[in-house]
């Protein structure tokens, strides 16, 4: 298994400061459930976002996949990416240290 990181940023930055529209809220819920499911399957290692509400805000998802193609599929199947709520950049990544819980 290889590790990957994808960085996501909202396509409408105002949603962070002004709030989500009902449609954005629905997609955000789908996005969360998608990542939750991948976490339960042991694919996602970590997911979260910065708390600032300006254009520099971003989220990251660190996950594992068998191949570059499989990693691309994880990103492309994210409902927030599919529906244009967020733009995503995929990077190969190496986890060097991780706490044991």
Protein backbone atom coordinates (compact mmCIF):
# COMPACT_ATOMS: atom_id res chain seq x y z
CA UNK A 1 0.00 0.00 0.00
CA UNK A 2 1.13 3.53 -0.78
CA UNK A 3 0.16 6.67 1.07
CA UNK A 4 -1.41 9.72 -0.54
CA UNK A 5 -2.61 13.14 0.49
CA UNK A 6 -5.29 15.16 -1.14
CA UNK A 7 -5.79 18.79 -0.43
CA UNK A 8 -9.26 20.22 -0.92
CA UNK A 9 -10.38 23.81 -1.07
CA UNK A 10 -13.88 25.22 -1.52
CA UNK A 11 -14.73 26.58 -4.93
CA UNK A 12 -16.89 29.26 -3.26
CA UNK A 13 -14.77 30.68 -0.45
CA UNK A 14 -17.67 32.76 0.90
CA UNK A 15 -19.34 29.59 2.17
CA UNK A 16 -16.73 29.47 4.96
CA UNK A 17 -17.53 32.92 6.35
CA UNK A 18 -21.15 33.38 5.27
CA UNK A 19 -22.34 29.82 5.74
CA UNK A 20 -23.41 27.01 3.48
CA UNK A 21 -26.41 27.10 1.18
CA UNK A 22 -28.82 24.17 1.63
CA UNK A 23 -27.33 22.52 -1.49
CA UNK A 24 -23.77 22.99 -0.17
CA UNK A 25 -24.82 21.56 3.19
CA UNK A 26 -26.20 18.46 1.49
CA UNK A 27 -22.98 17.91 -0.49
CA UNK A 28 -20.86 18.55 2.61
CA UNK A 29 -22.82 15.86 4.45
CA UNK A 30 -22.24 13.42 1.57
CA UNK A 31 -18.53 14.32 1.63
CA UNK A 32 -18.31 13.65 5.37
CA UNK A 33 -20.14 10.32 5.09
CA UNK A 34 -17.88 9.29 2.19
CA UNK A 35 -14.74 10.00 4.22
CA UNK A 36 -16.25 8.37 7.31
CA UNK A 37 -16.91 5.21 5.31
CA UNK A 38 -13.35 5.17 3.96
CA UNK A 39 -12.04 5.66 7.51
CA UNK A 40 -14.11 2.71 8.75
CA UNK A 41 -12.66 0.61 5.89
CA UNK A 42 -9.12 1.52 6.98
CA UNK A 43 -8.40 3.53 3.83
CA UNK A 44 -8.40 7.04 5.32
CA UNK A 45 -5.77 7.60 7.98
CA UNK A 46 -6.60 11.21 8.78
CA UNK A 47 -9.01 13.86 7.51
CA UNK A 48 -9.54 17.42 8.67
CA UNK A 49 -9.50 21.08 7.77
CA UNK A 50 -8.07 24.38 8.83
CA UNK A 51 -10.36 26.63 10.85
CA UNK A 52 -9.67 29.89 9.06
CA UNK A 53 -12.45 31.22 6.85
CA UNK A 54 -10.55 32.97 4.07
CA UNK A 55 -9.16 31.84 0.72
CA UNK A 56 -6.18 30.15 2.39
CA UNK A 57 -8.44 27.59 4.11
CA UNK A 58 -8.01 23.96 3.08
CA UNK A 59 -8.68 20.41 4.13
CA UNK A 60 -6.45 17.38 3.86
CA UNK A 61 -7.13 13.69 3.60
CA UNK A 62 -4.26 11.27 4.15
CA UNK A 63 -5.09 7.80 2.92
CA UNK A 64 -3.67 4.59 1.51
CA UNK A 65 -4.28 2.95 -1.85
CA UNK A 66 -2.83 0.13 -3.92
CA UNK A 67 -1.87 2.34 -6.88
CA UNK A 68 -1.88 5.84 -8.28
CA UNK A 69 -5.02 4.95 -10.24
CA UNK A 70 -6.80 3.72 -7.12
CA UNK A 71 -5.77 6.91 -5.29
CA UNK A 72 -7.13 9.05 -8.12
CA UNK A 73 -10.41 7.14 -7.88
CA UNK A 74 -10.69 7.92 -4.15
CA UNK A 75 -10.38 11.64 -4.91
CA UNK A 76 -12.63 11.58 -7.97
CA UNK A 77 -15.38 9.71 -6.12
CA UNK A 78 -15.54 12.26 -3.30
CA UNK A 79 -19.00 13.84 -3.66
CA UNK A 80 -17.62 17.33 -2.88
CA UNK A 81 -15.17 16.98 -5.77
CA UNK A 82 -17.66 15.31 -8.12
CA UNK A 83 -20.26 18.02 -7.54
CA UNK A 84 -17.82 20.92 -7.80
CA UNK A 85 -18.11 22.10 -4.19
CA UNK A 86 -14.38 21.59 -3.70
CA UNK A 87 -11.34 21.40 -5.90
CA UNK A 88 -8.76 18.74 -5.10
CA UNK A 89 -5.05 18.20 -5.61
CA UNK A 90 -3.57 14.72 -5.15
CA UNK A 91 -0.01 14.09 -3.94
CA UNK A 92 2.01 10.96 -3.25
CA UNK A 93 2.82 11.06 0.45
CA UNK A 94 4.90 9.21 3.00
CA UNK A 95 3.78 8.88 6.59
CA UNK A 96 7.02 9.08 8.58
CA UNK A 97 5.67 9.08 12.15
CA UNK A 98 2.26 8.27 13.53
CA UNK A 99 1.05 7.89 17.08
CA UNK A 100 -0.26 4.54 18.24
CA UNK A 101 -3.62 4.71 19.93
